[in-house]
Amino acid sequence: MPAIRNDPPSPDDALSNMVAGNGSRSTVRLHQLRYFIAAADYGSFRKAAAALAIQESSISRRIRDLEDELGASLFVRYSGGVRLTVAGQEFLRSARHALRQIDIGVTKVAAVGRAEQGLIKVGIFSSLASGFLFDLLRTYGQRHPNVKIDIIDGSPPEHVAAVRNLNLDVAFITGMPAWDGCEAEHLWCENVFLVLPADHPLANKPDLGWADLASERFIVTDGAPGLEIHEYLVARLADVGRKVEIQTQQVGRDNILSLVAVGQGLTLTSEATTGAKFPRITYRKIEGEVLPFSMIWSDRNDNPACRRLLSLARLMARPAGGK
């Protein structure tokens, strides 16, 4: 049979019970703690009531209720005011700590709600070297410096699945398709560029079209956006009646450009990549080729920092003078 405790709970135990809610005990009454601390600071119920702009009787009654719940007197009352008992001195430390933690929590939550703090997970399919996405993330970072932005490379299907599962807050991908379970909005377009060695015969050709590329060898990465570039090349060169030669390389987006420089083949990229300068390669725009880019997100996502990013993206994508 468990031992029965007849001694009153310590002030720390009582405060913990009120905060957490223990059995039949009510949850913490923050106004009681605030009244108690004010009375302790002013040494008077009357002065504390005046400072808090409430009736003196309200402070007296709430502190008496608090003492009854704790099972210990917190103040000695006398004609000139009040002074803390030994139990009251112990409880004051706990009460101050509890309110300080609550105030810190309220401040943090409010900051997250205003997008002053937080985390956004962003999926990208375009280079961050320049262009709309670079400008968007730079501007957002300047306006919300305490929001951390995690950037995740990937293909559109990978990003869509992550957005649906709320593993990504937002993704910026090519095209304007409708994706089940996601919201989508077209934001900007980029020209398509050919990446070729600086000494390649096509480097100085005034205008480049697909017919100029029909006999060239291309290389793509085995990750994003390699598959999409492969399909893009096949579709475009089929229109000019040529079968394209494409080799897949197990390298990343940057190293594929270095392979172009050493003569392993040509590749395609979007306009944003042209902001990255690599030795011994050049970028040439393919006439008439434009890639649309969209942002996708879930309407179930309640991340305030993400909502601010969506709003900023819409604002920056809006044409000058548009509404």
C-alpha atoms as a PDB file:
ATOM      1  CA  MET A   1       0.000   0.000   0.000  1.00  0.00           C
ATOM      2  CA  PRO A   2       1.544   3.358  -0.976  1.00  0.00           C
ATOM      3  CA  ALA A   3       2.476   5.770   1.746  1.00  0.00           C
ATOM      4  CA  ILE A   4       0.124   8.682   2.297  1.00  0.00           C
ATOM      5  CA  ARG A   5       1.726  12.132   2.392  1.00  0.00           C
ATOM      6  CA  ASN A   6       0.204  14.418   4.962  1.00  0.00           C
ATOM      7  CA  ASP A   7       2.691  17.241   4.521  1.00  0.00           C
ATOM      8  CA  PRO A   8       1.644  20.119   2.254  1.00  0.00           C
ATOM      9  CA  PRO A   9       3.204  20.248  -1.198  1.00  0.00           C
ATOM     10  CA  SER A  10       6.236  22.449  -1.671  1.00  0.00           C
ATOM     11  CA  PRO A  11       5.694  25.656  -3.618  1.00  0.00           C
ATOM     12  CA  ASP A  12       7.640  24.229  -6.579  1.00  0.00           C
ATOM     13  CA  ASP A  13       5.484  21.080  -6.590  1.00  0.00           C
ATOM     14  CA  ALA A  14       2.319  23.124  -6.388  1.00  0.00           C
ATOM     15  CA  LEU A  15       3.339  25.370  -9.254  1.00  0.00           C
ATOM     16  CA  SER A  16       4.233  22.347 -11.390  1.00  0.00           C
ATOM     17  CA  ASN A  17       0.858  20.779 -10.634  1.00  0.00           C
ATOM     18  CA  MET A  18      -0.990  23.930 -11.616  1.00  0.00           C
ATOM     19  CA  VAL A  19       0.997  24.361 -14.826  1.00  0.00           C
ATOM     20  CA  ALA A  20       0.601  20.757 -15.962  1.00  0.00           C
ATOM     21  CA  GLY A  21      -2.828  20.103 -14.484  1.00  0.00           C
ATOM     22  CA  ASN A  22      -2.721  17.258 -11.971  1.00  0.00           C
ATOM     23  CA  GLY A  23      -5.833  15.221 -11.451  1.00  0.00           C
ATOM     24  CA  SER A  24      -8.585  17.509 -10.145  1.00  0.00           C
ATOM     25  CA  ARG A  25      -6.302  20.542  -9.948  1.00  0.00           C
ATOM     26  CA  SER A  26      -7.146  23.369 -12.313  1.00  0.00           C
ATOM     27  CA  THR A  27      -4.641  24.622 -14.810  1.00  0.00           C
ATOM     28  CA  VAL A  28      -2.480  27.594 -13.981  1.00  0.00           C
ATOM     29  CA  ARG A  29      -4.173  30.939 -13.489  1.00  0.00           C
ATOM     30  CA  LEU A  30      -1.679  33.385 -14.853  1.00  0.00           C
ATOM     31  CA  HIS A  31      -3.410  36.395 -13.378  1.00  0.00           C
ATOM     32  CA  GLN A  32      -2.897  34.921  -9.881  1.00  0.00           C
ATOM     33  CA  LEU A  33       0.842  34.661 -10.479  1.00  0.00           C
ATOM     34  CA  ARG A  34       0.992  38.182 -11.882  1.00  0.00           C
ATOM     35  CA  TYR A  35      -0.949  39.568  -8.912  1.00  0.00           C
ATOM     36  CA  PHE A  36       1.294  37.681  -6.506  1.00  0.00           C
ATOM     37  CA  ILE A  37       4.492  38.987  -8.105  1.00  0.00           C
ATOM     38  CA  ALA A  38       3.147  42.562  -8.202  1.00  0.00           C
ATOM     39  CA  ALA A  39       2.206  42.412  -4.509  1.00  0.00           C
ATOM     40  CA  ALA A  40       5.643  41.051  -3.649  1.00  0.00           C
ATOM     41  CA  ASP A  41       7.367  43.776  -5.679  1.00  0.00           C
ATOM     42  CA  TYR A  42       5.323  46.642  -4.218  1.00  0.00           C
ATOM     43  CA  GLY A  43       4.961  45.238  -0.683  1.00  0.00           C
ATOM     44  CA  SER A  44       1.338  46.281  -0.734  1.00  0.00           C
ATOM     45  CA  PHE A  45      -1.914  45.001  -2.225  1.00  0.00           C
ATOM     46  CA  ARG A  46      -3.084  48.602  -2.642  1.00  0.00           C
ATOM     47  CA  LYS A  47       0.008  49.734  -4.569  1.00  0.00           C
ATOM     48  CA  ALA A  48       0.005  46.575  -6.695  1.00  0.00           C
ATOM     49  CA  ALA A  49      -3.659  47.109  -7.537  1.00  0.00           C
ATOM     50  CA  ALA A  50      -2.976  50.700  -8.563  1.00  0.00           C
ATOM     51  CA  ALA A  51      -0.058  49.601 -10.771  1.00  0.00           C
ATOM     52  CA  LEU A  52      -2.219  46.955 -12.454  1.00  0.00           C
ATOM     53  CA  ALA A  53      -5.278  49.249 -12.679  1.00  0.00           C
ATOM     54  CA  ILE A  54      -7.567  46.817 -10.835  1.00  0.00           C
ATOM     55  CA  GLN A  55      -9.421  46.782  -7.530  1.00  0.00           C
ATOM     56  CA  GLU A  56      -7.418  46.065  -4.372  1.00  0.00           C
ATOM     57  CA  SER A  57     -10.058  43.531  -3.367  1.00  0.00           C
ATOM     58  CA  SER A  58      -9.411  41.571  -6.570  1.00  0.00           C
ATOM     59  CA  ILE A  59      -5.734  41.142  -5.751  1.00  0.00           C
ATOM     60  CA  SER A  60      -6.486  40.230  -2.137  1.00  0.00           C
ATOM     61  CA  ARG A  61      -9.093  37.642  -3.137  1.00  0.00           C
ATOM     62  CA  ARG A  62      -7.009  36.028  -5.914  1.00  0.00           C
ATOM     63  CA  ILE A  63      -3.923  35.737  -3.705  1.00  0.00           C
ATOM     64  CA  ARG A  64      -6.012  34.229  -0.927  1.00  0.00           C
ATOM     65  CA  ASP A  65      -7.360  31.653  -3.411  1.00  0.00           C
ATOM     66  CA  LEU A  66      -3.789  30.935  -4.502  1.00  0.00           C
ATOM     67  CA  GLU A  67      -2.685  30.409  -0.890  1.00  0.00           C
ATOM     68  CA  ASP A  68      -5.614  28.036  -0.329  1.00  0.00           C
ATOM     69  CA  GLU A  69      -4.635  25.999  -3.372  1.00  0.00           C
ATOM     70  CA  LEU A  70      -0.965  25.894  -2.405  1.00  0.00           C
ATOM     71  CA  GLY A  71      -1.756  25.065   1.205  1.00  0.00           C
ATOM     72  CA  ALA A  72       0.660  27.722   2.476  1.00  0.00           C
ATOM     73  CA  SER A  73       0.568  31.405   3.385  1.00  0.00           C
ATOM     74  CA  LEU A  74       2.537  33.552   0.962  1.00  0.00           C
ATOM     75  CA  PHE A  75       2.268  36.877   2.756  1.00  0.00           C
ATOM     76  CA  VAL A  76       2.161  38.244   6.253  1.00  0.00           C
ATOM     77  CA  ARG A  77      -0.444  41.011   6.297  1.00  0.00           C
ATOM     78  CA  TYR A  78       0.066  44.047   8.484  1.00  0.00           C
ATOM     79  CA  SER A  79      -1.280  47.603   8.573  1.00  0.00           C
ATOM     80  CA  GLY A  80       1.506  49.026   6.400  1.00  0.00           C
ATOM     81  CA  GLY A  81       1.252  46.412   3.657  1.00  0.00           C
ATOM     82  CA  VAL A  82       2.469  42.840   3.170  1.00  0.00           C
ATOM     83  CA  ARG A  83       5.739  40.959   3.314  1.00  0.00           C
ATOM     84  CA  LEU A  84       6.619  37.525   1.990  1.00  0.00           C
ATOM     85  CA  THR A  85       6.679  34.483   4.220  1.00  0.00           C
ATOM     86  CA  VAL A  86       9.443  31.929   3.851  1.00  0.00           C
ATOM     87  CA  ALA A  87       7.112  29.914   1.616  1.00  0.00           C
ATOM     88  CA  GLY A  88       6.304  33.072  -0.332  1.00  0.00           C
ATOM     89  CA  GLN A  89       9.990  33.774  -0.943  1.00  0.00           C
ATOM     90  CA  GLU A  90      10.449  30.256  -2.317  1.00  0.00           C
ATOM     91  CA  PHE A  91       7.348  30.514  -4.472  1.00  0.00           C
ATOM     92  CA  LEU A  92       8.374  33.916  -5.861  1.00  0.00           C
ATOM     93  CA  ARG A  93      11.396  32.423  -7.619  1.00  0.00           C
ATOM     94  CA  SER A  94       9.250  29.748  -9.252  1.00  0.00           C
ATOM     95  CA  ALA A  95       6.521  32.208 -10.212  1.00  0.00           C
ATOM     96  CA  ARG A  96       8.988  34.620 -11.832  1.00  0.00           C
ATOM     97  CA  HIS A  97      10.616  31.771 -13.757  1.00  0.00           C
ATOM     98  CA  ALA A  98       7.253  30.434 -14.951  1.00  0.00           C
ATOM     99  CA  LEU A  99       6.046  33.814 -16.203  1.00  0.00           C
ATOM    100  CA  ARG A 100       9.400  34.541 -17.829  1.00  0.00           C
ATOM    101  CA  GLN A 101       9.204  31.265 -19.787  1.00  0.00           C
ATOM    102  CA  ILE A 102       5.626  31.950 -20.806  1.00  0.00           C
ATOM    103  CA  ASP A 103       6.525  35.461 -21.970  1.00  0.00           C
ATOM    104  CA  ILE A 104       9.459  34.074 -23.971  1.00  0.00           C
ATOM    105  CA  GLY A 105       7.172  31.502 -25.565  1.00  0.00           C
ATOM    106  CA  VAL A 106       4.557  34.119 -26.453  1.00  0.00           C
ATOM    107  CA  THR A 107       7.241  36.318 -28.021  1.00  0.00           C
ATOM    108  CA  LYS A 108       8.606  33.434 -30.093  1.00  0.00           C
ATOM    109  CA  VAL A 109       5.178  32.332 -31.294  1.00  0.00           C
ATOM    110  CA  ALA A 110       4.282  35.902 -32.224  1.00  0.00           C
ATOM    111  CA  ALA A 111       7.569  36.219 -34.137  1.00  0.00           C
ATOM    112  CA  VAL A 112       6.839  33.016 -36.059  1.00  0.00           C
ATOM    113  CA  GLY A 113       3.328  34.274 -36.820  1.00  0.00           C
ATOM    114  CA  ARG A 114       4.777  37.484 -38.241  1.00  0.00           C
ATOM    115  CA  ALA A 115       7.341  35.456 -40.222  1.00  0.00           C
ATOM    116  CA  GLU A 116      10.150  37.086 -38.239  1.00  0.00           C
ATOM    117  CA  GLN A 117      11.417  33.641 -37.287  1.00  0.00           C
ATOM    118  CA  GLY A 118      10.885  30.153 -38.616  1.00  0.00           C
ATOM    119  CA  LEU A 119      11.956  27.755 -41.349  1.00  0.00           C
ATOM    120  CA  ILE A 120      10.971  27.354 -44.992  1.00  0.00           C
ATOM    121  CA  LYS A 121      11.829  24.300 -47.064  1.00  0.00           C
ATOM    122  CA  VAL A 122      12.030  25.300 -50.722  1.00  0.00           C
ATOM    123  CA  GLY A 123      12.318  22.909 -53.648  1.00  0.00           C
ATOM    124  CA  ILE A 124      14.047  24.275 -56.734  1.00  0.00           C
ATOM    125  CA  PHE A 125      14.481  23.125 -60.303  1.00  0.00           C
ATOM    126  CA  SER A 126      16.307  26.178 -61.613  1.00  0.00           C
ATOM    127  CA  SER A 127      19.726  27.596 -60.957  1.00  0.00           C
ATOM    128  CA  LEU A 128      20.121  30.191 -58.220  1.00  0.00           C
ATOM    129  CA  ALA A 129      22.947  31.933 -60.084  1.00  0.00           C
ATOM    130  CA  SER A 130      20.695  34.753 -61.269  1.00  0.00           C
ATOM    131  CA  GLY A 131      17.172  35.535 -62.355  1.00  0.00           C
ATOM    132  CA  PHE A 132      13.777  35.640 -60.666  1.00  0.00           C
ATOM    133  CA  LEU A 133      14.386  32.952 -58.060  1.00  0.00           C
ATOM    134  CA  PHE A 134      17.708  34.486 -57.028  1.00  0.00           C
ATOM    135  CA  ASP A 135      16.066  37.904 -56.639  1.00  0.00           C
ATOM    136  CA  LEU A 136      13.105  36.434 -54.748  1.00  0.00           C
ATOM    137  CA  LEU A 137      15.184  34.575 -52.162  1.00  0.00           C
ATOM    138  CA  ARG A 138      17.577  37.494 -51.721  1.00  0.00           C
ATOM    139  CA  THR A 139      14.720  39.939 -51.144  1.00  0.00           C
ATOM    140  CA  TYR A 140      12.957  37.577 -48.748  1.00  0.00           C
ATOM    141  CA  GLY A 141      16.177  37.044 -46.806  1.00  0.00           C
ATOM    142  CA  GLN A 142      16.652  40.800 -46.481  1.00  0.00           C
ATOM    143  CA  ARG A 143      13.106  41.295 -45.197  1.00  0.00           C
ATOM    144  CA  HIS A 144      13.071  38.251 -42.901  1.00  0.00           C
ATOM    145  CA  PRO A 145      16.697  37.656 -41.852  1.00  0.00           C
ATOM    146  CA  ASN A 146      15.764  35.320 -38.982  1.00  0.00           C
ATOM    147  CA  VAL A 147      13.837  32.892 -41.164  1.00  0.00           C
ATOM    148  CA  LYS A 148      16.010  29.961 -42.216  1.00  0.00           C
ATOM    149  CA  ILE A 149      15.605  28.812 -45.821  1.00  0.00           C
ATOM    150  CA  ASP A 150      16.471  25.210 -46.679  1.00  0.00           C
ATOM    151  CA  ILE A 151      17.006  24.707 -50.433  1.00  0.00           C
ATOM    152  CA  ILE A 152      16.346  21.234 -51.872  1.00  0.00           C
ATOM    153  CA  ASP A 153      17.222  20.279 -55.457  1.00  0.00           C
ATOM    154  CA  GLY A 154      14.985  17.785 -57.194  1.00  0.00           C
ATOM    155  CA  SER A 155      12.723  16.960 -60.105  1.00  0.00           C
ATOM    156  CA  PRO A 156       9.136  18.233 -60.395  1.00  0.00           C
ATOM    157  CA  PRO A 157       7.559  14.841 -59.467  1.00  0.00           C
ATOM    158  CA  GLU A 158       9.784  14.606 -56.379  1.00  0.00           C
ATOM    159  CA  HIS A 159       8.909  18.141 -55.343  1.00  0.00           C
ATOM    160  CA  VAL A 160       5.189  17.631 -55.905  1.00  0.00           C
ATOM    161  CA  ALA A 161       5.172  14.528 -53.709  1.00  0.00           C
ATOM    162  CA  ALA A 162       7.073  16.380 -50.985  1.00  0.00           C
ATOM    163  CA  VAL A 163       4.681  19.336 -51.137  1.00  0.00           C
ATOM    164  CA  ARG A 164       1.673  17.024 -50.868  1.00  0.00           C
ATOM    165  CA  ASN A 165       3.180  15.377 -47.779  1.00  0.00           C
ATOM    166  CA  LEU A 166       4.144  18.783 -46.309  1.00  0.00           C
ATOM    167  CA  ASN A 167       7.824  17.846 -46.440  1.00  0.00           C
ATOM    168  CA  LEU A 168       8.351  20.911 -48.636  1.00  0.00           C
ATOM    169  CA  ASP A 169       6.648  24.252 -48.081  1.00  0.00           C
ATOM    170  CA  VAL A 170       6.886  25.409 -51.683  1.00  0.00           C
ATOM    171  CA  ALA A 171       8.609  24.338 -54.887  1.00  0.00           C
ATOM    172  CA  PHE A 172       9.543  26.273 -58.019  1.00  0.00           C
ATOM    173  CA  ILE A 173       9.404  24.062 -61.097  1.00  0.00           C
ATOM    174  CA  THR A 174       9.192  24.266 -64.887  1.00  0.00           C
ATOM    175  CA  GLY A 175       5.940  24.152 -66.782  1.00  0.00           C
ATOM    176  CA  MET A 176       2.382  25.058 -65.897  1.00  0.00           C
ATOM    177  CA  PRO A 177       0.771  21.658 -65.240  1.00  0.00           C
ATOM    178  CA  ALA A 178      -2.059  20.965 -62.821  1.00  0.00           C
ATOM    179  CA  TRP A 179      -0.948  18.691 -59.972  1.00  0.00           C
ATOM    180  CA  ASP A 180      -3.492  16.828 -57.851  1.00  0.00           C
ATOM    181  CA  GLY A 181      -3.303  17.859 -54.215  1.00  0.00           C
ATOM    182  CA  CYS A 182      -1.280  21.012 -54.921  1.00  0.00           C
ATOM    183  CA  GLU A 183      -1.949  24.632 -55.686  1.00  0.00           C
ATOM    184  CA  ALA A 184       0.022  26.044 -58.615  1.00  0.00           C
ATOM    185  CA  GLU A 185       0.646  29.495 -60.021  1.00  0.00           C
ATOM    186  CA  HIS A 186       2.722  30.589 -63.007  1.00  0.00           C
ATOM    187  CA  LEU A 187       5.290  33.228 -62.053  1.00  0.00           C
ATOM    188  CA  TRP A 188       7.973  33.823 -64.659  1.00  0.00           C
ATOM    189  CA  CYS A 189       9.646  32.592 -67.856  1.00  0.00           C
ATOM    190  CA  GLU A 190      13.277  32.027 -68.818  1.00  0.00           C
ATOM    191  CA  ASN A 191      14.937  31.703 -72.197  1.00  0.00           C
ATOM    192  CA  VAL A 192      16.573  28.388 -73.079  1.00  0.00           C
ATOM    193  CA  PHE A 193      20.332  28.518 -73.628  1.00  0.00           C
ATOM    194  CA  LEU A 194      22.800  26.180 -75.286  1.00  0.00           C
ATOM    195  CA  VAL A 195      25.990  25.548 -73.284  1.00  0.00           C
ATOM    196  CA  LEU A 196      29.013  24.926 -75.502  1.00  0.00           C
ATOM    197  CA  PRO A 197      32.819  25.261 -75.430  1.00  0.00           C
ATOM    198  CA  ALA A 198      34.013  28.812 -76.033  1.00  0.00           C
ATOM    199  CA  ASP A 199      35.910  27.667 -79.160  1.00  0.00           C
ATOM    200  CA  HIS A 200      33.003  25.703 -80.666  1.00  0.00           C
ATOM    201  CA  PRO A 201      32.060  26.645 -84.266  1.00  0.00           C
ATOM    202  CA  LEU A 202      28.533  27.593 -83.141  1.00  0.00           C
ATOM    203  CA  ALA A 203      29.794  29.991 -80.462  1.00  0.00           C
ATOM    204  CA  ASN A 204      29.856  32.910 -82.912  1.00  0.00           C
ATOM    205  CA  LYS A 205      26.815  32.061 -85.028  1.00  0.00           C
ATOM    206  CA  PRO A 206      24.391  35.029 -84.996  1.00  0.00           C
ATOM    207  CA  ASP A 207      21.184  33.034 -84.476  1.00  0.00           C
ATOM    208  CA  LEU A 208      20.869  29.477 -83.217  1.00  0.00           C
ATOM    209  CA  GLY A 209      17.983  27.176 -84.089  1.00  0.00           C
ATOM    210  CA  TRP A 210      17.342  23.460 -83.617  1.00  0.00           C
ATOM    211  CA  ALA A 211      18.481  22.687 -87.147  1.00  0.00           C
ATOM    212  CA  ASP A 212      21.961  23.930 -86.152  1.00  0.00           C
ATOM    213  CA  LEU A 213      22.099  21.370 -83.335  1.00  0.00           C
ATOM    214  CA  ALA A 214      20.877  18.283 -85.157  1.00  0.00           C
ATOM    215  CA  SER A 215      24.347  16.724 -85.563  1.00  0.00           C
ATOM    216  CA  GLU A 216      25.708  17.634 -82.114  1.00  0.00           C
ATOM    217  CA  ARG A 217      26.348  15.272 -79.206  1.00  0.00           C
ATOM    218  CA  PHE A 218      24.710  16.248 -75.890  1.00  0.00           C
ATOM    219  CA  ILE A 219      25.380  15.357 -72.275  1.00  0.00           C
ATOM    220  CA  VAL A 220      23.023  15.556 -69.310  1.00  0.00           C
ATOM    221  CA  THR A 221      23.249  14.758 -65.603  1.00  0.00           C
ATOM    222  CA  ASP A 222      21.750  11.600 -64.173  1.00  0.00           C
ATOM    223  CA  GLY A 223      19.905  13.736 -61.616  1.00  0.00           C
ATOM    224  CA  ALA A 224      17.654  16.756 -61.922  1.00  0.00           C
ATOM    225  CA  PRO A 225      17.313  18.368 -64.387  1.00  0.00           C
ATOM    226  CA  GLY A 226      18.996  15.755 -66.617  1.00  0.00           C
ATOM    227  CA  LEU A 227      15.892  13.704 -67.438  1.00  0.00           C
ATOM    228  CA  GLU A 228      13.868  16.801 -68.286  1.00  0.00           C
ATOM    229  CA  ILE A 229      16.630  18.140 -70.577  1.00  0.00           C
ATOM    230  CA  HIS A 230      16.857  14.724 -72.258  1.00  0.00           C
ATOM    231  CA  GLU A 231      13.121  14.712 -73.007  1.00  0.00           C
ATOM    232  CA  TYR A 232      13.236  18.347 -74.135  1.00  0.00           C
ATOM    233  CA  LEU A 233      16.052  17.619 -76.598  1.00  0.00           C
ATOM    234  CA  VAL A 234      14.366  14.518 -78.000  1.00  0.00           C
ATOM    235  CA  ALA A 235      11.103  16.389 -78.578  1.00  0.00           C
ATOM    236  CA  ARG A 236      12.671  19.451 -80.203  1.00  0.00           C
ATOM    237  CA  LEU A 237      15.146  17.625 -82.465  1.00  0.00           C
ATOM    238  CA  ALA A 238      12.475  15.169 -83.555  1.00  0.00           C
ATOM    239  CA  ASP A 239      10.728  18.172 -85.090  1.00  0.00           C
ATOM    240  CA  VAL A 240      13.693  18.663 -87.449  1.00  0.00           C
ATOM    241  CA  GLY A 241      13.840  14.966 -88.311  1.00  0.00           C
ATOM    242  CA  ARG A 242      17.042  14.048 -86.468  1.00  0.00           C
ATOM    243  CA  LYS A 243      17.789  11.438 -83.834  1.00  0.00           C
ATOM    244  CA  VAL A 244      19.719  13.075 -81.050  1.00  0.00           C
ATOM    245  CA  GLU A 245      22.806  11.573 -79.406  1.00  0.00           C
ATOM    246  CA  ILE A 246      22.603  12.068 -75.636  1.00  0.00           C
ATOM    247  CA  GLN A 247      24.960  10.669 -73.006  1.00  0.00           C
ATOM    248  CA  THR A 248      24.117  10.604 -69.315  1.00  0.00           C
ATOM    249  CA  GLN A 249      26.894  11.605 -66.939  1.00  0.00           C
ATOM    250  CA  GLN A 250      26.899  10.804 -63.224  1.00  0.00           C
ATOM    251  CA  VAL A 251      27.794  14.320 -62.144  1.00  0.00           C
ATOM    252  CA  GLY A 252      26.000  17.316 -60.690  1.00  0.00           C
ATOM    253  CA  ARG A 253      24.683  20.447 -62.351  1.00  0.00           C
ATOM    254  CA  ASP A 254      27.974  22.352 -62.059  1.00  0.00           C
ATOM    255  CA  ASN A 255      30.271  19.546 -63.197  1.00  0.00           C
ATOM    256  CA  ILE A 256      28.231  18.969 -66.323  1.00  0.00           C
ATOM    257  CA  LEU A 257      29.317  22.456 -67.405  1.00  0.00           C
ATOM    258  CA  SER A 258      32.940  21.545 -66.807  1.00  0.00           C
ATOM    259  CA  LEU A 259      32.485  18.470 -69.014  1.00  0.00           C
ATOM    260  CA  VAL A 260      31.147  20.747 -71.732  1.00  0.00           C
ATOM    261  CA  ALA A 261      34.327  22.826 -71.410  1.00  0.00           C
ATOM    262  CA  VAL A 262      36.567  19.798 -72.034  1.00  0.00           C
ATOM    263  CA  GLY A 263      34.648  18.810 -75.144  1.00  0.00           C
ATOM    264  CA  GLN A 264      32.470  15.920 -73.927  1.00  0.00           C
ATOM    265  CA  GLY A 265      29.345  17.354 -75.470  1.00  0.00           C
ATOM    266  CA  LEU A 266      26.859  20.230 -75.346  1.00  0.00           C
ATOM    267  CA  THR A 267      23.966  20.705 -72.961  1.00  0.00           C
ATOM    268  CA  LEU A 268      20.986  22.974 -72.349  1.00  0.00           C
ATOM    269  CA  THR A 269      20.212  25.200 -69.439  1.00  0.00           C
ATOM    270  CA  SER A 270      17.785  27.903 -68.411  1.00  0.00           C
ATOM    271  CA  GLU A 271      18.566  31.603 -68.422  1.00  0.00           C
ATOM    272  CA  ALA A 272      19.226  31.785 -64.675  1.00  0.00           C
ATOM    273  CA  THR A 273      22.287  29.549 -65.031  1.00  0.00           C
ATOM    274  CA  THR A 274      23.984  32.053 -67.328  1.00  0.00           C
ATOM    275  CA  GLY A 275      24.746  34.174 -64.274  1.00  0.00           C
ATOM    276  CA  ALA A 276      27.327  31.530 -63.284  1.00  0.00           C
ATOM    277  CA  LYS A 277      30.628  32.070 -65.052  1.00  0.00           C
ATOM    278  CA  PHE A 278      32.670  28.956 -65.876  1.00  0.00           C
ATOM    279  CA  PRO A 279      35.989  29.014 -67.712  1.00  0.00           C
ATOM    280  CA  ARG A 280      36.121  27.928 -71.361  1.00  0.00           C
ATOM    281  CA  ILE A 281      32.348  27.705 -71.899  1.00  0.00           C
ATOM    282  CA  THR A 282      29.837  30.108 -73.380  1.00  0.00           C
ATOM    283  CA  TYR A 283      26.044  30.412 -73.370  1.00  0.00           C
ATOM    284  CA  ARG A 284      24.007  30.991 -76.526  1.00  0.00           C
ATOM    285  CA  LYS A 285      20.270  31.615 -76.566  1.00  0.00           C
ATOM    286  CA  ILE A 286      18.164  29.307 -78.716  1.00  0.00           C
ATOM    287  CA  GLU A 287      15.763  31.498 -80.646  1.00  0.00           C
ATOM    288  CA  GLY A 288      12.087  31.146 -79.739  1.00  0.00           C
ATOM    289  CA  GLU A 289      12.588  28.751 -76.811  1.00  0.00           C
ATOM    290  CA  VAL A 290      11.089  29.850 -73.493  1.00  0.00           C
ATOM    291  CA  LEU A 291      10.545  27.880 -70.276  1.00  0.00           C
ATOM    292  CA  PRO A 292       7.641  28.836 -67.986  1.00  0.00           C
ATOM    293  CA  PHE A 293       8.192  28.452 -64.233  1.00  0.00           C
ATOM    294  CA  SER A 294       5.537  27.960 -61.584  1.00  0.00           C
ATOM    295  CA  MET A 295       5.383  27.730 -57.812  1.00  0.00           C
ATOM    296  CA  ILE A 296       3.459  24.914 -56.156  1.00  0.00           C
ATOM    297  CA  TRP A 297       2.307  24.610 -52.571  1.00  0.00           C
ATOM    298  CA  SER A 298      -0.331  22.892 -50.449  1.00  0.00           C
ATOM    299  CA  ASP A 299      -3.364  24.756 -49.144  1.00  0.00           C
ATOM    300  CA  ARG A 300      -2.978  22.629 -45.998  1.00  0.00           C
ATOM    301  CA  ASN A 301       0.342  24.290 -45.240  1.00  0.00           C
ATOM    302  CA  ASP A 302      -0.100  26.821 -42.420  1.00  0.00           C
ATOM    303  CA  ASN A 303       3.535  27.956 -42.184  1.00  0.00           C
ATOM    304  CA  PRO A 304       3.327  31.777 -41.843  1.00  0.00           C
ATOM    305  CA  ALA A 305       6.852  32.228 -43.209  1.00  0.00           C
ATOM    306  CA  CYS A 306       5.852  30.290 -46.321  1.00  0.00           C
ATOM    307  CA  ARG A 307       2.741  32.414 -46.798  1.00  0.00           C
ATOM    308  CA  ARG A 308       4.910  35.517 -46.752  1.00  0.00           C
ATOM    309  CA  LEU A 309       7.182  33.987 -49.409  1.00  0.00           C
ATOM    310  CA  LEU A 310       4.191  33.167 -51.638  1.00  0.00           C
ATOM    311  CA  SER A 311       2.913  36.727 -51.323  1.00  0.00           C
ATOM    312  CA  LEU A 312       6.310  38.199 -52.124  1.00  0.00           C
ATOM    313  CA  ALA A 313       6.684  35.902 -55.153  1.00  0.00           C
ATOM    314  CA  ARG A 314       3.335  37.083 -56.521  1.00  0.00           C
ATOM    315  CA  LEU A 315       4.263  40.705 -55.933  1.00  0.00           C
ATOM    316  CA  MET A 316       7.642  40.367 -57.668  1.00  0.00           C
ATOM    317  CA  ALA A 317       6.129  38.451 -60.592  1.00  0.00           C
ATOM    318  CA  ARG A 318       3.492  41.104 -61.169  1.00  0.00           C
ATOM    319  CA  PRO A 319       4.239  43.203 -64.282  1.00  0.00           C
ATOM    320  CA  ALA A 320       5.273  46.791 -63.644  1.00  0.00           C
ATOM    321  CA  GLY A 321       2.116  48.869 -63.258  1.00  0.00           C
ATOM    322  CA  GLY A 322      -0.031  45.747 -62.920  1.00  0.00           C
ATOM    323  CA  LYS A 323      -2.629  45.201 -60.235  1.00  0.00           C
END
